[in-house]
Amino acid sequence: METFKLTGTTKTPHINLNATTGVLELSGRSIPEISSEFYAPVLDWVMEYAKAPKSKTVIEIKFEYFNTSSSKSILDFFKKVELIHKSGASSVSVKWFVEKDDEAMEEAGQEYKSLVTLPFEILPC
């Protein structure tokens, strides 16, 4: 399976989903015109990865900002990864990185943590 990479822009996040290492990274800003369309290939990749995941999968999130539309797509991403975790095929953990004093991103991390059953750490950048 190939690595899925997108270079971030002022409106879209940097994405690096590495099937070889099992590290799935999303970072930057997420304010695409239609987030469901933007994230569709990401979700498709995760579902393909779920068929043969690494024994350990690490999700690293480093968002500066995301809009309401993206928040739903991010939750969809977590829900797909949660399926991998629940299957027992991979030990999955989430590392949600937050800049110092960024209360909005810390609260967002806490909200996602409460919505999924994944090991979820909120860490300083």
Protein backbone atom coordinates (compact mmCIF):
# COMPACT_ATOMS: atom_id res chain seq x y z
CA MET A 1 0.00 0.00 0.00
CA GLU A 2 1.31 3.43 -0.91
CA THR A 3 1.76 6.41 1.34
CA PHE A 4 -0.89 9.10 0.89
CA LYS A 5 0.55 12.63 0.93
CA LEU A 6 -0.92 16.05 0.37
CA THR A 7 1.07 19.23 0.83
CA GLY A 8 -0.77 21.74 2.96
CA THR A 9 -2.02 25.06 1.65
CA THR A 10 -3.51 28.11 3.34
CA LYS A 11 -6.89 26.32 3.25
CA THR A 12 -6.03 22.62 3.45
CA PRO A 13 -3.96 20.58 5.89
CA HIS A 14 -0.72 18.75 5.26
CA ILE A 15 -1.53 15.04 5.23
CA ASN A 16 0.96 12.18 5.44
CA LEU A 17 -0.59 8.73 5.85
CA ASN A 18 2.29 6.25 5.93
CA ALA A 19 1.31 2.60 5.64
CA THR A 20 4.93 1.49 6.07
CA THR A 21 5.40 3.13 9.48
CA GLY A 22 1.76 3.21 10.62
CA VAL A 23 2.02 6.94 11.37
CA LEU A 24 -0.91 9.00 10.11
CA GLU A 25 -0.34 12.77 10.30
CA LEU A 26 -2.67 15.71 9.74
CA SER A 27 -1.45 19.24 10.41
CA GLY A 28 -1.99 22.88 9.58
CA ARG A 29 -5.25 24.61 8.65
CA SER A 30 -8.39 22.87 7.44
CA ILE A 31 -10.87 25.20 5.78
CA PRO A 32 -11.47 23.62 2.36
CA GLU A 33 -14.47 24.70 0.29
CA ILE A 34 -16.19 21.32 0.68
CA SER A 35 -14.51 19.34 3.44
CA SER A 36 -16.37 16.10 2.70
CA GLU A 37 -14.91 16.08 -0.82
CA PHE A 38 -11.46 17.03 0.41
CA TYR A 39 -11.39 14.29 3.07
CA ALA A 40 -13.04 11.55 0.94
CA PRO A 41 -9.71 10.17 -0.39
CA VAL A 42 -8.28 10.27 3.14
CA LEU A 43 -11.17 8.19 4.47
CA ASP A 44 -10.88 5.81 1.52
CA TRP A 45 -7.16 5.37 2.25
CA VAL A 46 -7.87 4.61 5.93
CA MET A 47 -10.44 1.96 4.95
CA GLU A 48 -7.90 0.33 2.62
CA TYR A 49 -5.21 0.53 5.34
CA ALA A 50 -7.66 -1.13 7.76
CA LYS A 51 -7.46 -4.31 5.69
CA ALA A 52 -3.80 -4.83 6.69
CA PRO A 53 -2.69 -2.23 9.27
CA LYS A 54 0.66 -2.16 11.02
CA SER A 55 0.61 -3.73 14.48
CA LYS A 56 0.91 -0.20 15.90
CA THR A 57 -0.82 2.82 14.37
CA VAL A 58 -0.12 6.33 15.63
CA ILE A 59 -2.32 9.27 14.71
CA GLU A 60 -0.55 12.63 15.03
CA ILE A 61 -2.77 15.71 14.79
CA LYS A 62 -1.27 19.22 14.78
CA PHE A 63 -4.04 21.56 13.63
CA GLU A 64 -3.65 25.33 13.83
CA TYR A 65 -7.30 25.83 12.93
CA PHE A 66 -10.22 24.01 11.36
CA ASN A 67 -13.74 25.11 10.48
CA THR A 68 -17.03 23.52 11.47
CA SER A 69 -17.32 21.62 8.20
CA SER A 70 -13.88 20.10 8.74
CA SER A 71 -14.74 19.09 12.30
CA LYS A 72 -17.25 16.55 10.98
CA SER A 73 -14.71 15.14 8.52
CA ILE A 74 -12.10 14.90 11.29
CA LEU A 75 -14.60 12.97 13.42
CA ASP A 76 -15.28 10.68 10.44
CA PHE A 77 -11.51 10.10 10.21
CA PHE A 78 -11.35 9.16 13.90
CA LYS A 79 -14.36 6.85 13.53
CA LYS A 80 -12.66 4.98 10.65
CA VAL A 81 -9.47 4.63 12.68
CA GLU A 82 -11.53 3.51 15.66
CA LEU A 83 -12.77 0.55 13.57
CA ILE A 84 -9.14 -0.57 13.18
CA HIS A 85 -8.61 -0.28 16.93
CA LYS A 86 -11.80 -2.16 17.79
CA SER A 87 -10.93 -4.98 15.40
CA GLY A 88 -7.76 -5.65 17.38
CA ALA A 89 -5.71 -5.65 14.18
CA SER A 90 -3.63 -2.73 15.37
CA SER A 91 -2.86 -0.92 18.61
CA VAL A 92 -4.00 2.61 17.78
CA SER A 93 -3.14 5.78 19.67
CA VAL A 94 -3.89 9.43 19.02
CA LYS A 95 -1.51 12.28 19.80
CA TRP A 96 -3.31 15.62 19.57
CA PHE A 97 -0.68 18.36 19.68
CA VAL A 98 -1.65 21.83 20.92
CA GLU A 99 0.29 25.09 20.86
CA LYS A 100 0.74 26.72 24.26
CA ASP A 101 -2.33 28.78 25.24
CA ASP A 102 -4.43 27.54 22.29
CA GLU A 103 -7.56 26.85 24.31
CA ALA A 104 -9.75 26.28 21.25
CA MET A 105 -7.58 23.45 19.93
CA GLU A 106 -7.23 21.95 23.41
CA GLU A 107 -11.02 21.99 23.82
CA ALA A 108 -11.44 20.44 20.37
CA GLY A 109 -9.04 17.66 21.36
CA GLN A 110 -10.98 17.06 24.57
CA GLU A 111 -14.22 16.89 22.59
CA TYR A 112 -12.84 14.32 20.13
CA LYS A 113 -11.35 12.36 23.01
CA SER A 114 -14.82 12.10 24.55
CA LEU A 115 -16.38 10.93 21.27
CA VAL A 116 -14.09 8.01 20.47
CA THR A 117 -12.78 4.99 22.34
CA LEU A 118 -9.17 5.46 21.24
CA PRO A 119 -6.19 6.00 23.52
CA PHE A 120 -6.00 9.77 23.14
CA GLU A 121 -3.30 12.10 24.47
CA ILE A 122 -3.36 15.88 24.32
CA LEU A 123 0.23 17.07 24.23
CA PRO A 124 2.09 20.39 23.95
CA CYS A 125 3.85 21.16 20.66
